[in-house]
Amino acid sequence: METTPNVRILVINPNTSTHMTDALRPVLEDLQMPFVQYTFFTSPTPGIPSINSPEDAAESAEICLPSLIPLLPHHDAFLVACYSRHPLVTQLKRECKKLSRAATAGSEGRGANKHVTGIFEASVLSSLALIDDAEGEGFGIVSTGKVWEKALQTAVGGFLGESGDGDGNPTEKSRFYGCETTGLNASELHDLPADQVRGKMMEATKRVLRRGQQQHASQEIKSKSKVKAICLGCAGMVGLEDAVRQACVEELGHEEAKDVCIVDGVKAGVALLCSLARTGF
């Protein structure tokens, strides 16, 4: 018996790379959620070919929003596939609320809500659900260009109501152990030789894990890493989980590496949106 899709999700790529949009399709198909219908949106051109800074994200939102507003009535949920505190998340939430209010004007009913998240927000929420805060565990991010080290520290702090030290480092009690970057931009993840990309991903992953290790005062040995979840900090990193996993094994050994979860924000975002839509929140 076939299942009729009952959650319509619009997956939004706010840059102009159709290659990046196409790379998201098999990732979502592999989730095997027959009750979900996916539609994909790529930024109009001229637009931002690769979002390499918060400023690029803001400009891409200005470009995309006018084209997205007419699509809102035809979908139940929206996933912004850019790893940043992308302005589209807030802007689309605001537009969805307008639709809901218009649909229920003059009635006491609440109406069906539409839900919006970004892959950044979804990955952070998923990481918090996976770690053991009582044991001092936390999460880290592997991202692209160096600008994201401070930008994502600020983004996580703002999202969680925490503040860093101003230099891209977490505070002592933060559950976020920081962001390390590959030095590549989003488009280079696809354009450069696979071995080069893989090597840079592994190096950045190992640096994240070392952020969660504490040096004993009287010994030259390191404790186990407190980083138990690593977020893929770019939508263009889909398919690179294996490189992150191998880096965990090389840095921590097979047994400890098993405790580290690799969080793909695209998958996390779809899971979050589906749960919100199907439970009627």
Protein backbone atom coordinates (compact mmCIF):
# COMPACT_ATOMS: atom_id res chain seq x y z
CA MET A 1 0.00 0.00 0.00
CA GLU A 2 1.47 3.35 -1.05
CA THR A 3 1.77 6.14 1.48
CA THR A 4 0.46 9.51 0.40
CA PRO A 5 2.94 12.28 1.24
CA ASN A 6 1.51 14.50 3.96
CA VAL A 7 4.47 16.78 4.70
CA ARG A 8 5.57 19.03 1.86
CA ILE A 9 9.06 20.38 2.49
CA LEU A 10 10.71 23.07 0.38
CA VAL A 11 14.50 22.67 0.54
CA ILE A 12 16.07 26.07 -0.11
CA ASN A 13 19.58 26.51 -1.47
CA PRO A 14 20.18 30.28 -1.20
CA ASN A 15 23.17 30.22 -3.54
CA THR A 16 23.09 29.82 -7.32
CA SER A 17 24.86 26.44 -7.49
CA THR A 18 22.50 23.89 -9.00
CA HIS A 19 25.24 21.30 -8.43
CA MET A 20 24.91 21.85 -4.69
CA THR A 21 21.13 21.60 -4.88
CA ASP A 22 21.38 18.34 -6.82
CA ALA A 23 23.79 16.93 -4.23
CA LEU A 24 21.08 17.27 -1.57
CA ARG A 25 18.57 15.08 -3.40
CA PRO A 26 20.15 11.63 -2.80
CA VAL A 27 20.84 12.51 0.85
CA LEU A 28 17.14 13.09 1.45
CA GLU A 29 16.03 10.14 -0.65
CA ASP A 30 18.22 7.88 1.50
CA LEU A 31 16.19 8.91 4.57
CA GLN A 32 13.33 6.84 3.12
CA MET A 33 10.48 8.98 4.40
CA PRO A 34 7.58 8.14 2.06
CA PHE A 35 5.30 10.60 3.84
CA VAL A 36 7.51 13.54 2.78
CA GLN A 37 7.36 15.33 -0.55
CA TYR A 38 10.49 17.35 -1.31
CA THR A 39 10.67 20.35 -3.60
CA PHE A 40 13.98 22.09 -4.24
CA PHE A 41 14.68 25.79 -4.70
CA THR A 42 17.92 27.34 -5.95
CA SER A 43 18.65 31.05 -5.73
CA PRO A 44 17.73 33.10 -8.79
CA THR A 45 20.53 34.52 -10.88
CA PRO A 46 22.25 36.87 -10.66
CA GLY A 47 22.83 35.80 -7.08
CA ILE A 48 25.51 34.56 -4.69
CA PRO A 49 27.40 31.58 -6.20
CA SER A 50 28.99 30.55 -2.89
CA ILE A 51 28.03 31.90 0.54
CA ASN A 52 31.40 32.54 2.16
CA SER A 53 30.51 35.02 4.92
CA PRO A 54 27.56 36.31 6.95
CA GLU A 55 27.45 39.26 4.55
CA ASP A 56 26.95 36.88 1.62
CA ALA A 57 24.16 35.19 3.58
CA ALA A 58 22.39 38.50 4.15
CA GLU A 59 22.65 39.43 0.47
CA SER A 60 21.40 36.02 -0.62
CA ALA A 61 18.34 36.45 1.61
CA GLU A 62 17.47 39.72 -0.10
CA ILE A 63 17.74 38.01 -3.48
CA CYS A 64 15.76 34.88 -2.60
CA LEU A 65 12.91 36.13 -0.42
CA PRO A 66 10.78 37.73 -3.17
CA SER A 67 10.83 34.46 -5.14
CA LEU A 68 10.05 32.37 -2.06
CA ILE A 69 7.01 34.25 -0.76
CA PRO A 70 4.68 33.00 -3.55
CA LEU A 71 5.73 29.41 -2.78
CA LEU A 72 4.78 29.51 0.91
CA PRO A 73 1.11 28.51 0.53
CA HIS A 74 2.09 25.34 -1.33
CA HIS A 75 4.40 23.85 1.32
CA ASP A 76 4.15 22.84 4.96
CA ALA A 77 7.77 23.34 6.01
CA PHE A 78 10.93 25.05 4.81
CA LEU A 79 14.59 24.09 5.22
CA VAL A 80 17.24 26.75 4.57
CA ALA A 81 20.27 24.77 3.43
CA CYS A 82 23.03 27.20 4.33
CA TYR A 83 25.15 26.66 7.43
CA SER A 84 24.84 30.03 9.12
CA ARG A 85 22.30 31.99 11.11
CA HIS A 86 20.77 32.75 7.76
CA PRO A 87 18.37 35.71 7.71
CA LEU A 88 15.91 33.71 5.59
CA VAL A 89 15.01 31.58 8.60
CA THR A 90 13.63 34.56 10.52
CA GLN A 91 12.20 36.21 7.42
CA LEU A 92 10.32 33.10 6.32
CA LYS A 93 8.97 32.51 9.83
CA ARG A 94 7.60 36.03 9.76
CA GLU A 95 5.96 35.50 6.35
CA CYS A 96 4.49 32.15 7.43
CA LYS A 97 2.91 33.77 10.48
CA LYS A 98 1.26 36.33 8.21
CA LEU A 99 -0.26 33.51 6.16
CA SER A 100 -1.51 31.69 9.24
CA ARG A 101 -3.10 34.83 10.67
CA ALA A 102 -4.80 35.63 7.37
CA ALA A 103 -6.19 32.10 7.12
CA THR A 104 -7.70 32.21 10.62
CA ALA A 105 -8.86 35.82 10.68
CA GLY A 106 -12.25 36.13 12.37
CA SER A 107 -12.18 32.63 13.82
CA GLU A 108 -11.07 31.13 17.11
CA GLY A 109 -9.10 28.35 15.44
CA ARG A 110 -5.34 28.37 15.37
CA GLY A 111 -4.95 26.87 11.90
CA ALA A 112 -2.14 24.74 10.56
CA ASN A 113 1.26 26.24 11.29
CA LYS A 114 4.08 26.22 8.79
CA HIS A 115 7.55 25.49 10.12
CA VAL A 116 10.97 26.87 9.19
CA THR A 117 14.48 25.93 10.23
CA GLY A 118 17.99 26.23 8.91
CA ILE A 119 20.51 23.42 8.81
CA PHE A 120 22.61 25.33 11.35
CA GLU A 121 19.82 25.53 13.93
CA ALA A 122 18.76 21.92 13.36
CA SER A 123 22.30 20.59 13.77
CA VAL A 124 22.83 22.47 17.03
CA LEU A 125 19.55 21.20 18.48
CA SER A 126 20.37 17.64 17.42
CA SER A 127 23.84 17.86 18.94
CA LEU A 128 22.42 19.01 22.26
CA ALA A 129 20.09 16.01 22.24
CA LEU A 130 23.00 13.63 21.59
CA ILE A 131 25.53 14.79 24.18
CA ASP A 132 25.56 14.18 27.93
CA ASP A 133 25.74 17.62 29.47
CA ALA A 134 26.21 16.20 32.97
CA GLU A 135 29.49 14.62 31.84
CA GLY A 136 30.78 17.86 30.35
CA GLU A 137 30.29 16.63 26.81
CA GLY A 138 29.83 19.07 23.99
CA PHE A 139 29.87 19.51 20.24
CA GLY A 140 32.00 21.17 17.60
CA ILE A 141 31.67 22.28 14.00
CA VAL A 142 33.83 21.64 10.94
CA SER A 143 33.24 24.44 8.43
CA THR A 144 34.77 25.98 5.31
CA GLY A 145 36.60 29.36 5.30
CA LYS A 146 38.32 30.84 8.36
CA VAL A 147 35.76 33.64 8.61
CA TRP A 148 33.28 31.08 9.92
CA GLU A 149 35.32 30.30 13.04
CA LYS A 150 34.28 33.52 14.75
CA ALA A 151 31.00 33.85 12.85
CA LEU A 152 29.73 30.46 13.97
CA GLN A 153 30.98 30.98 17.53
CA THR A 154 28.84 34.11 17.60
CA ALA A 155 25.94 32.29 15.92
CA VAL A 156 25.97 29.41 18.41
CA GLY A 157 26.26 31.82 21.33
CA GLY A 158 23.32 33.84 20.08
CA PHE A 159 21.22 30.76 19.42
CA LEU A 160 21.91 29.22 22.84
CA GLY A 161 22.02 32.45 24.81
CA GLU A 162 25.73 32.02 25.55
CA SER A 163 28.68 34.27 24.79
CA GLY A 164 32.21 33.38 23.76
CA ASP A 165 35.44 35.13 24.68
CA GLY A 166 35.37 37.37 21.61
CA ASP A 167 38.17 35.48 19.84
CA GLY A 168 36.17 32.57 18.47
CA ASN A 169 36.61 30.45 21.59
CA PRO A 170 33.87 29.06 23.87
CA THR A 171 33.55 29.93 27.53
CA GLU A 172 34.53 27.39 30.17
CA LYS A 173 30.97 26.15 30.75
CA SER A 174 29.85 26.19 27.13
CA ARG A 175 28.62 22.99 25.53
CA PHE A 176 30.10 24.24 22.26
CA TYR A 177 33.80 23.47 21.85
CA GLY A 178 34.25 25.67 18.83
CA CYS A 179 34.63 25.61 15.08
CA GLU A 180 37.59 24.55 12.94
CA THR A 181 37.77 25.23 9.22
CA THR A 182 39.16 23.64 6.09
CA GLY A 183 40.20 26.87 4.36
CA LEU A 184 38.02 25.94 1.39
CA ASN A 185 34.88 27.71 0.29
CA ALA A 186 31.63 25.86 -0.40
CA SER A 187 32.18 25.56 -4.15
CA GLU A 188 35.73 24.23 -3.72
CA LEU A 189 34.35 21.26 -1.78
CA HIS A 190 33.05 20.03 -5.12
CA ASP A 191 35.60 21.52 -7.52
CA LEU A 192 38.92 20.47 -5.94
CA PRO A 193 40.35 16.92 -6.09
CA ALA A 194 38.52 14.62 -3.67
CA ASP A 195 41.72 13.58 -1.88
CA GLN A 196 42.61 17.20 -1.14
CA VAL A 197 39.14 17.97 0.22
CA ARG A 198 39.14 14.80 2.30
CA GLY A 199 42.54 15.62 3.80
CA LYS A 200 41.48 19.12 4.82
CA MET A 201 38.24 17.78 6.32
CA MET A 202 40.19 15.27 8.39
CA GLU A 203 42.69 17.87 9.62
CA ALA A 204 39.89 20.21 10.73
CA THR A 205 38.05 17.35 12.45
CA LYS A 206 41.12 16.40 14.46
CA ARG A 207 41.54 20.00 15.60
CA VAL A 208 37.92 20.05 16.78
CA LEU A 209 38.46 16.86 18.77
CA ARG A 210 41.60 18.30 20.38
CA ARG A 211 39.55 21.25 21.61
CA GLY A 212 37.72 18.76 23.79
CA GLN A 213 40.86 17.25 25.28
CA GLN A 214 42.31 18.51 28.54
CA GLN A 215 45.99 18.43 29.38
CA HIS A 216 46.77 16.89 32.76
CA ALA A 217 48.77 19.27 34.93
CA SER A 218 51.45 16.74 35.85
CA GLN A 219 51.45 14.44 32.84
CA GLU A 220 52.07 14.71 29.13
CA ILE A 221 49.00 12.66 28.24
CA LYS A 222 45.68 13.92 27.04
CA SER A 223 42.30 12.93 28.39
CA LYS A 224 39.54 11.62 26.19
CA SER A 225 37.89 14.24 24.03
CA LYS A 226 34.71 15.75 25.42
CA VAL A 227 33.56 16.49 21.86
CA LYS A 228 30.87 13.87 21.25
CA ALA A 229 29.10 15.43 18.28
CA ILE A 230 30.60 17.06 15.20
CA CYS A 231 28.43 19.13 12.88
CA LEU A 232 29.11 19.31 9.16
CA GLY A 233 29.24 23.08 8.85
CA CYS A 234 28.31 23.46 5.19
CA ALA A 235 25.53 22.07 3.01
CA GLY A 236 28.25 21.28 0.47
CA MET A 237 29.78 18.75 2.90
CA VAL A 238 27.12 16.15 2.19
CA GLY A 239 28.86 12.86 1.51
CA LEU A 240 31.95 13.76 3.55
CA GLU A 241 30.84 12.02 6.76
CA ASP A 242 33.26 9.19 6.07
CA ALA A 243 36.24 11.57 6.13
CA VAL A 244 35.12 12.92 9.50
CA ARG A 245 34.63 9.40 10.84
CA GLN A 246 38.10 8.31 9.70
CA ALA A 247 39.63 11.36 11.38
CA CYS A 248 37.86 10.43 14.62
CA VAL A 249 39.31 6.91 14.45
CA GLU A 250 42.83 8.18 13.74
CA GLU A 251 42.70 10.76 16.53
CA LEU A 252 40.84 8.80 19.21
CA GLY A 253 41.10 5.12 18.32
CA HIS A 254 38.29 2.84 17.21
CA GLU A 255 36.52 2.48 20.55
CA GLU A 256 36.37 6.14 21.57
CA ALA A 257 35.53 7.18 18.01
CA LYS A 258 32.33 5.15 18.26
CA ASP A 259 31.05 7.66 20.82
CA VAL A 260 31.27 10.60 18.42
CA CYS A 261 28.12 11.41 16.44
CA ILE A 262 28.45 13.11 13.06
CA VAL A 263 25.54 15.48 12.52
CA ASP A 264 24.43 16.35 9.00
CA GLY A 265 22.30 19.48 9.30
CA VAL A 266 20.31 18.63 6.17
CA LYS A 267 19.15 15.33 7.67
CA ALA A 268 18.64 16.92 11.07
CA GLY A 269 16.58 19.71 9.54
CA VAL A 270 14.23 17.37 7.71
CA ALA A 271 13.78 15.25 10.83
CA LEU A 272 12.95 18.32 12.91
CA LEU A 273 10.51 19.74 10.38
CA CYS A 274 8.75 16.41 9.96
CA SER A 275 8.28 15.97 13.70
CA LEU A 276 6.91 19.50 14.09
CA ALA A 277 4.54 19.16 11.14
CA ARG A 278 3.24 15.70 12.00
CA THR A 279 2.67 16.42 15.67
CA GLY A 280 0.71 19.57 14.91
CA PHE A 281 2.85 22.04 16.82
